[in-house]
Amino acid sequence: MHPYSRKMQPINFDEEHVFFIKDLSVEQEMSLIRKILNKKPEKPLQKSSGNNLLPEKNELLCSKHALNYSTIKINKLVNREIETLIILSLLSMDPFLNTIVTFNERIGRINLKIIKKLYNIILKSKDKCLDLGDPSLRFNLNRTNDDNEFQICHQLLQTLHDDFLSHFFFEEDDWTSIGEQKFVKDKGVYQNFSPISDLFCGRLKIHDQKFVLKYFDILKIDNTNQLTIEKALESCFCSDTDKKSFSKLPVCLVIHCNERLQINETLKTKELEYVITSFITICNKEYIFYTIQNGKNICYKNGRILNIENLDAYEGNLVFLFYTRKTITAF
C-alpha cells in the first residue's frame, strides 16, 4: 500500500511537535507550511523607564516599613538557611526595604515575582504572621551544594537585579570624575544599571601596573589579623602599600568575612559613616542572625528569638555584616 493512501489522523499544528515529512500527506505538509508562514513574529517586550518608580534619595532612610523582627517565625532551616538569613539581612537595610515597598506600590499590575515575594514578606511581617519556613517565600535560586556563602549572596542580588530589569530599564549618572578618566574601568559586577547596582555597588581605585576602577557589590575581608571590622576594612581596601582606595562607597555596604572581629556599630571610612543593621555568624555549622530593633539587640538561633546585651558577645565567626549609610546626600 502506498504510504499516502492510508487514512491519516488529523494533526494539531498549534501544539509543539517534531514532524517528519515522510509521515505527512501532501495536504498536511501544505497546512504546516501555511501555519509557519502565517505565524506572527513575537514582539519584543517594550521596557519602560523605572526611575520614576523609585523612592527619592531623601526617602531611603525612613524606617516606617521596618520589619517586626520580634514576631517573625524562623524555624530551623536545613539546606537554604543562609539564603533565608541573607534575605532577612537585606530587609534590615532601610534603603533596600524602602525601594522594594515604593517600587511595588507604583508598578500597578506588573508582576515581578521575586520583588513581589520580598514585598509579601514585608506585608506578612506587618500583620505579625511571617513564617520564613513558608515554602511560598522560598526564592529557589539555581544553587549547587558547592556554592559558598559569598556566591549565594551575590546570586541573590543578581536575581533581584535581573527581576528589576525584566520589565524596566534604569538610567544612572556617570560615576567617573575628571581625575579618574585615566583609569580603565572593569566590566562591572552587573551588565546593566538597576536599583540593586545603585544601592549595593561601589568602586575601588587600584594603582598597579595600570590604573583600574574595579566594581564590587560585596566586600570580602579575611585573615587580616586586625581587631575590629573598621581596621580590617582599612587594611584590605585603604592601604598605601597595596595601592588600593575607595573611589565610591555604596549606600548599602555588604561585607563577607570569615574571622572573629570586634563589631563596629558605627563604621567610619572615607568621610562617610555607616551604621550596622544586621550580621550573620556561623557556630558549629549553624548560622545565627543578629539585628538591632528599637535599641534592642536581637538574636535568631535555632528557631528561637533571644535578646542579648552586647553584640560583641556573638557566637562563632562572622560570615556577613550589613551596613547602611548614616546620611544620604549624594551618591
Protein backbone atom coordinates (compact mmCIF):
# COMPACT_ATOMS: atom_id res chain seq x y z
CA MET A 1 0.00 0.00 0.00
CA HIS A 2 1.30 3.45 -0.88
CA PRO A 3 2.04 5.47 2.32
CA TYR A 4 -0.23 8.32 1.19
CA SER A 5 -3.15 6.00 0.51
CA ARG A 6 -3.71 5.09 4.16
CA LYS A 7 -6.10 7.14 6.25
CA MET A 8 -4.18 9.89 8.08
CA GLN A 9 -5.13 11.15 11.52
CA PRO A 10 -5.68 14.93 11.78
CA ILE A 11 -2.73 16.77 13.28
CA ASN A 12 -3.00 19.80 15.52
CA PHE A 13 -0.23 22.08 14.28
CA ASP A 14 -0.92 24.54 17.12
CA GLU A 15 0.75 22.14 19.54
CA GLU A 16 4.52 21.89 19.72
CA HIS A 17 5.74 18.73 17.96
CA VAL A 18 8.57 17.48 15.81
CA PHE A 19 7.20 16.41 12.43
CA PHE A 20 8.84 14.07 9.94
CA ILE A 21 7.94 14.97 6.36
CA LYS A 22 7.83 11.33 5.27
CA ASP A 23 4.96 10.73 7.70
CA LEU A 24 2.83 13.61 6.37
CA SER A 25 0.43 13.70 3.47
CA VAL A 26 0.75 16.45 0.85
CA GLU A 27 -2.21 18.26 2.41
CA GLN A 28 -0.61 18.10 5.86
CA GLU A 29 2.69 19.40 4.50
CA MET A 30 0.93 22.39 2.93
CA SER A 31 -1.02 23.04 6.12
CA LEU A 32 2.19 23.06 8.14
CA ILE A 33 3.90 25.41 5.66
CA ARG A 34 0.97 27.84 5.74
CA LYS A 35 1.00 27.73 9.55
CA ILE A 36 4.69 28.70 9.62
CA LEU A 37 4.27 31.46 7.00
CA ASN A 38 1.25 32.97 8.75
CA LYS A 39 2.76 32.86 12.23
CA LYS A 40 3.08 36.36 13.62
CA PRO A 41 6.53 37.22 14.92
CA GLU A 42 6.72 37.70 18.66
CA LYS A 43 7.09 41.33 19.59
CA PRO A 44 10.00 42.09 21.90
CA LEU A 45 8.97 43.26 25.35
CA GLN A 46 8.81 47.04 25.43
CA LYS A 47 10.50 48.04 28.66
CA SER A 48 9.51 51.20 30.50
CA SER A 49 11.71 53.60 32.42
CA GLY A 50 11.70 52.66 36.09
CA ASN A 51 13.48 55.68 37.58
CA ASN A 52 10.24 57.46 38.48
CA LEU A 53 9.04 54.35 40.36
CA LEU A 54 11.86 54.54 42.91
CA PRO A 55 11.87 56.48 46.19
CA GLU A 56 13.57 59.85 46.34
CA LYS A 57 17.06 59.85 47.85
CA ASN A 58 15.78 61.64 50.97
CA GLU A 59 13.21 58.86 51.49
CA LEU A 60 15.68 55.98 51.52
CA LEU A 61 16.50 56.13 55.24
CA CYS A 62 12.96 56.35 56.64
CA SER A 63 12.07 53.46 58.97
CA LYS A 64 8.28 53.33 58.62
CA HIS A 65 8.38 50.00 56.75
CA ALA A 66 10.77 48.22 59.14
CA LEU A 67 10.13 44.54 59.75
CA ASN A 68 8.77 43.50 63.12
CA TYR A 69 11.54 41.04 63.97
CA SER A 70 10.12 40.08 67.35
CA THR A 71 7.12 38.35 65.70
CA ILE A 72 8.90 36.54 62.86
CA LYS A 73 8.82 32.76 63.00
CA ILE A 74 12.08 31.32 61.79
CA ASN A 75 12.11 27.54 62.03
CA LYS A 76 15.42 25.77 61.87
CA LEU A 77 16.02 25.51 58.15
CA VAL A 78 18.49 22.99 56.78
CA ASN A 79 19.79 23.46 53.22
CA ARG A 80 18.65 27.01 52.47
CA GLU A 81 19.16 28.56 55.88
CA ILE A 82 21.86 31.02 54.85
CA GLU A 83 19.74 32.21 51.91
CA THR A 84 16.82 32.99 54.24
CA LEU A 85 19.03 34.86 56.70
CA ILE A 86 20.58 36.91 53.89
CA ILE A 87 17.08 37.93 52.81
CA LEU A 88 16.29 38.95 56.40
CA SER A 89 19.53 40.93 56.50
CA LEU A 90 18.84 42.74 53.23
CA LEU A 91 15.41 43.72 54.54
CA SER A 92 17.04 45.14 57.67
CA MET A 93 18.58 47.83 55.43
CA ASP A 94 16.11 50.72 55.12
CA PRO A 95 17.28 51.93 51.67
CA PHE A 96 16.70 48.48 50.19
CA LEU A 97 13.45 47.93 52.11
CA ASN A 98 12.03 51.30 51.05
CA THR A 99 12.99 50.67 47.43
CA ILE A 100 11.10 47.35 47.41
CA VAL A 101 7.99 48.86 49.04
CA THR A 102 7.84 52.02 46.91
CA PHE A 103 8.50 50.16 43.67
CA ASN A 104 5.78 47.57 44.36
CA GLU A 105 3.27 50.24 45.24
CA ARG A 106 3.91 52.12 41.98
CA ILE A 107 4.20 49.41 39.32
CA GLY A 108 0.48 48.61 39.21
CA ARG A 109 -0.40 45.24 37.72
CA ILE A 110 3.08 44.34 36.53
CA ASN A 111 4.23 41.30 38.48
CA LEU A 112 7.92 40.99 39.24
CA LYS A 113 7.79 37.66 41.02
CA ILE A 114 10.99 37.94 43.10
CA ILE A 115 10.39 41.56 44.09
CA LYS A 116 6.78 40.62 44.87
CA LYS A 117 7.92 37.85 47.22
CA LEU A 118 10.01 40.35 49.16
CA TYR A 119 7.03 42.69 49.32
CA ASN A 120 4.86 39.85 50.66
CA ILE A 121 7.45 39.15 53.36
CA ILE A 122 7.21 42.81 54.42
CA LEU A 123 3.39 42.73 54.47
CA LYS A 124 3.28 39.48 56.45
CA SER A 125 5.69 40.96 58.98
CA LYS A 126 3.36 43.93 59.50
CA ASP A 127 0.45 41.51 60.03
CA LYS A 128 2.59 39.53 62.51
CA CYS A 129 2.12 36.34 60.51
CA LEU A 130 5.53 35.97 58.84
CA ASP A 131 6.87 32.41 58.89
CA LEU A 132 10.15 32.20 57.00
CA GLY A 133 9.71 28.44 56.76
CA ASP A 134 6.78 29.03 54.37
CA PRO A 135 7.70 27.32 51.05
CA SER A 136 5.90 30.06 49.07
CA LEU A 137 8.52 32.54 50.27
CA ARG A 138 11.47 30.50 49.01
CA PHE A 139 13.48 32.06 46.20
CA ASN A 140 14.66 28.77 44.65
CA LEU A 141 18.00 30.05 43.46
CA ASN A 142 19.86 27.95 40.92
CA ARG A 143 22.31 26.69 43.52
CA THR A 144 24.68 23.78 43.85
CA ASN A 145 25.97 22.17 47.03
CA ASP A 146 29.39 23.66 46.27
CA ASP A 147 28.17 27.27 46.42
CA ASN A 148 29.68 29.16 49.33
CA GLU A 149 28.02 31.98 51.25
CA PHE A 150 29.63 34.67 49.10
CA GLN A 151 28.30 33.09 45.89
CA ILE A 152 24.82 32.65 47.39
CA CYS A 153 24.62 36.30 48.44
CA HIS A 154 25.86 37.53 45.06
CA GLN A 155 23.44 35.22 43.25
CA LEU A 156 20.55 36.56 45.31
CA LEU A 157 21.49 40.15 44.42
CA GLN A 158 21.91 39.13 40.78
CA THR A 159 18.43 37.53 40.79
CA LEU A 160 16.90 40.73 42.19
CA HIS A 161 18.84 42.79 39.64
CA ASP A 162 17.50 40.64 36.78
CA ASP A 163 13.95 40.84 38.15
CA PHE A 164 14.02 44.65 38.13
CA LEU A 165 15.30 44.63 34.53
CA SER A 166 12.77 42.08 33.26
CA HIS A 167 10.23 44.86 32.57
CA PHE A 168 12.09 48.14 33.20
CA PHE A 169 15.27 49.99 32.36
CA PHE A 170 17.06 52.46 34.63
CA GLU A 171 19.42 55.33 33.93
CA GLU A 172 22.43 56.30 36.01
CA ASP A 173 24.69 59.28 36.37
CA ASP A 174 28.25 58.85 35.15
CA TRP A 175 30.46 57.96 38.11
CA THR A 176 33.77 58.88 36.57
CA SER A 177 35.29 62.09 37.86
CA ILE A 178 37.84 64.16 35.95
CA GLY A 179 40.72 62.74 37.98
CA GLU A 180 39.69 59.18 37.11
CA GLN A 181 39.50 59.50 33.34
CA LYS A 182 42.91 57.86 33.01
CA PHE A 183 41.64 54.76 34.82
CA VAL A 184 40.50 51.66 32.97
CA LYS A 185 37.02 50.51 34.05
CA ASP A 186 36.50 46.80 34.52
CA LYS A 187 33.33 45.25 33.09
CA GLY A 188 31.46 45.77 36.35
CA VAL A 189 29.51 43.42 38.58
CA TYR A 190 26.27 43.71 36.60
CA GLN A 191 25.82 44.14 32.87
CA ASN A 192 23.26 46.96 33.18
CA PHE A 193 22.21 49.53 35.75
CA SER A 194 19.40 48.76 38.23
CA PRO A 195 18.30 49.72 41.77
CA ILE A 196 20.46 46.83 43.02
CA SER A 197 23.63 48.14 41.41
CA ASP A 198 22.64 51.65 42.52
CA LEU A 199 22.35 50.66 46.20
CA PHE A 200 24.98 47.92 46.56
CA CYS A 201 27.75 48.61 44.06
CA GLY A 202 30.85 50.53 44.98
CA ARG A 203 34.13 51.09 43.23
CA LEU A 204 37.80 50.66 44.07
CA LYS A 205 40.75 52.51 42.58
CA ILE A 206 43.66 50.14 42.11
CA HIS A 207 47.06 51.64 41.29
CA ASP A 208 49.03 48.73 39.91
CA GLN A 209 50.89 48.39 36.62
CA LYS A 210 47.85 50.18 35.21
CA PHE A 211 45.11 52.26 36.81
CA VAL A 212 41.92 50.21 37.19
CA LEU A 213 38.46 51.05 38.51
CA LYS A 214 37.09 47.83 39.97
CA TYR A 215 33.41 47.48 40.90
CA PHE A 216 32.06 45.40 43.77
CA ASP A 217 28.72 44.52 45.37
CA ILE A 218 30.14 42.58 48.33
CA LEU A 219 33.43 43.39 50.05
CA LYS A 220 35.45 40.38 51.14
CA ILE A 221 37.82 40.56 54.11
CA ASP A 222 39.70 37.62 55.62
CA ASN A 223 42.88 36.82 57.50
CA THR A 224 43.56 40.46 58.32
CA ASN A 225 44.88 39.91 61.87
CA GLN A 226 43.02 43.05 62.92
CA LEU A 227 40.83 43.61 65.99
CA THR A 228 37.83 45.45 64.53
CA ILE A 229 35.77 45.48 61.34
CA GLU A 230 36.84 49.06 60.67
CA LYS A 231 40.55 48.24 60.92
CA ALA A 232 40.12 45.10 58.81
CA LEU A 233 38.38 47.13 56.12
CA GLU A 234 41.15 49.73 56.14
CA SER A 235 43.88 47.10 55.90
CA CYS A 236 42.23 45.43 52.89
CA PHE A 237 41.00 48.39 50.87
CA CYS A 238 42.62 51.61 52.09
CA SER A 239 46.25 50.55 52.07
CA ASP A 240 49.01 52.66 50.56
CA THR A 241 51.14 49.52 50.35
CA ASP A 242 48.59 47.65 48.23
CA LYS A 243 47.79 50.82 46.27
CA LYS A 244 44.04 50.49 46.80
CA SER A 245 41.47 53.07 47.79
CA PHE A 246 37.72 53.56 47.61
CA SER A 247 36.50 55.67 44.73
CA LYS A 248 32.81 55.25 45.52
CA LEU A 249 31.13 53.63 48.50
CA PRO A 250 27.60 52.24 48.19
CA VAL A 251 24.52 53.18 50.19
CA CYS A 252 24.19 49.57 51.38
CA LEU A 253 27.51 48.00 52.35
CA VAL A 254 27.70 44.19 52.49
CA ILE A 255 30.86 42.67 53.96
CA HIS A 256 31.78 38.98 53.76
CA CYS A 257 34.13 37.82 56.48
CA ASN A 258 35.48 34.61 58.00
CA GLU A 259 37.09 35.98 61.15
CA ARG A 260 36.12 36.81 64.69
CA LEU A 261 36.37 40.59 64.89
CA GLN A 262 35.00 43.25 67.18
CA ILE A 263 31.78 44.74 65.79
CA ASN A 264 31.79 48.43 64.89
CA GLU A 265 28.17 49.53 65.28
CA THR A 266 29.24 52.76 63.56
CA LEU A 267 31.73 52.34 60.75
CA LYS A 268 33.75 55.31 59.53
CA THR A 269 35.53 55.29 56.21
CA LYS A 270 36.37 57.91 53.58
CA GLU A 271 34.39 60.75 55.19
CA LEU A 272 31.29 58.54 55.40
CA GLU A 273 29.60 56.93 58.35
CA TYR A 274 27.72 53.65 58.27
CA VAL A 275 25.52 52.04 60.90
CA ILE A 276 25.16 48.30 61.27
CA THR A 277 21.72 46.85 60.62
CA SER A 278 22.41 43.12 60.99
CA PHE A 279 25.05 40.42 60.74
CA ILE A 280 25.29 36.63 60.40
CA THR A 281 27.69 34.27 62.16
CA ILE A 282 28.38 30.56 61.98
CA CYS A 283 28.93 28.37 65.04
CA ASN A 284 29.14 24.57 64.94
CA LYS A 285 27.80 24.60 61.35
CA GLU A 286 24.76 26.61 62.44
CA TYR A 287 24.05 30.09 61.08
CA ILE A 288 22.91 32.73 63.57
CA PHE A 289 21.27 36.05 62.70
CA TYR A 290 21.71 39.24 64.76
CA THR A 291 19.97 42.59 64.34
CA ILE A 292 19.08 45.73 66.28
CA GLN A 293 15.49 46.94 66.64
CA ASN A 294 14.19 49.72 68.87
CA GLY A 295 17.51 49.81 70.68
CA LYS A 296 17.43 46.07 71.47
CA ASN A 297 19.92 43.50 70.23
CA ILE A 298 18.02 40.52 68.82
CA CYS A 299 19.44 37.11 68.01
CA TYR A 300 17.79 34.32 65.98
CA LYS A 301 19.26 30.98 66.95
CA ASN A 302 17.92 27.51 66.21
CA GLY A 303 14.40 28.82 65.63
CA ARG A 304 14.35 30.92 68.81
CA ILE A 305 14.39 34.69 69.32
CA LEU A 306 16.78 35.84 72.04
CA ASN A 307 17.66 39.26 73.45
CA ILE A 308 21.37 39.83 74.04
CA GLU A 309 23.11 42.65 75.90
CA ASN A 310 26.19 43.10 73.74
CA LEU A 311 26.66 42.47 70.01
CA ASP A 312 30.30 41.53 70.59
CA ALA A 313 29.07 38.55 72.60
CA TYR A 314 28.11 36.87 69.33
CA GLU A 315 28.77 33.16 68.89
CA GLY A 316 31.20 31.71 66.36
CA ASN A 317 32.84 33.57 63.47
CA LEU A 318 31.43 36.35 61.34
CA VAL A 319 30.04 35.48 57.90
CA PHE A 320 28.26 38.65 56.72
CA LEU A 321 27.83 42.18 58.03
CA PHE A 322 25.25 44.63 56.65
CA TYR A 323 25.70 48.39 56.99
CA THR A 324 23.79 51.38 55.63
CA ARG A 325 24.91 54.97 55.29
CA LYS A 326 24.04 57.15 58.25
CA THR A 327 23.11 60.04 55.96
CA ILE A 328 22.48 60.23 52.24
CA THR A 329 23.23 63.41 50.37
CA ALA A 330 24.65 62.35 47.04
CA PHE A 331 25.78 59.04 45.66
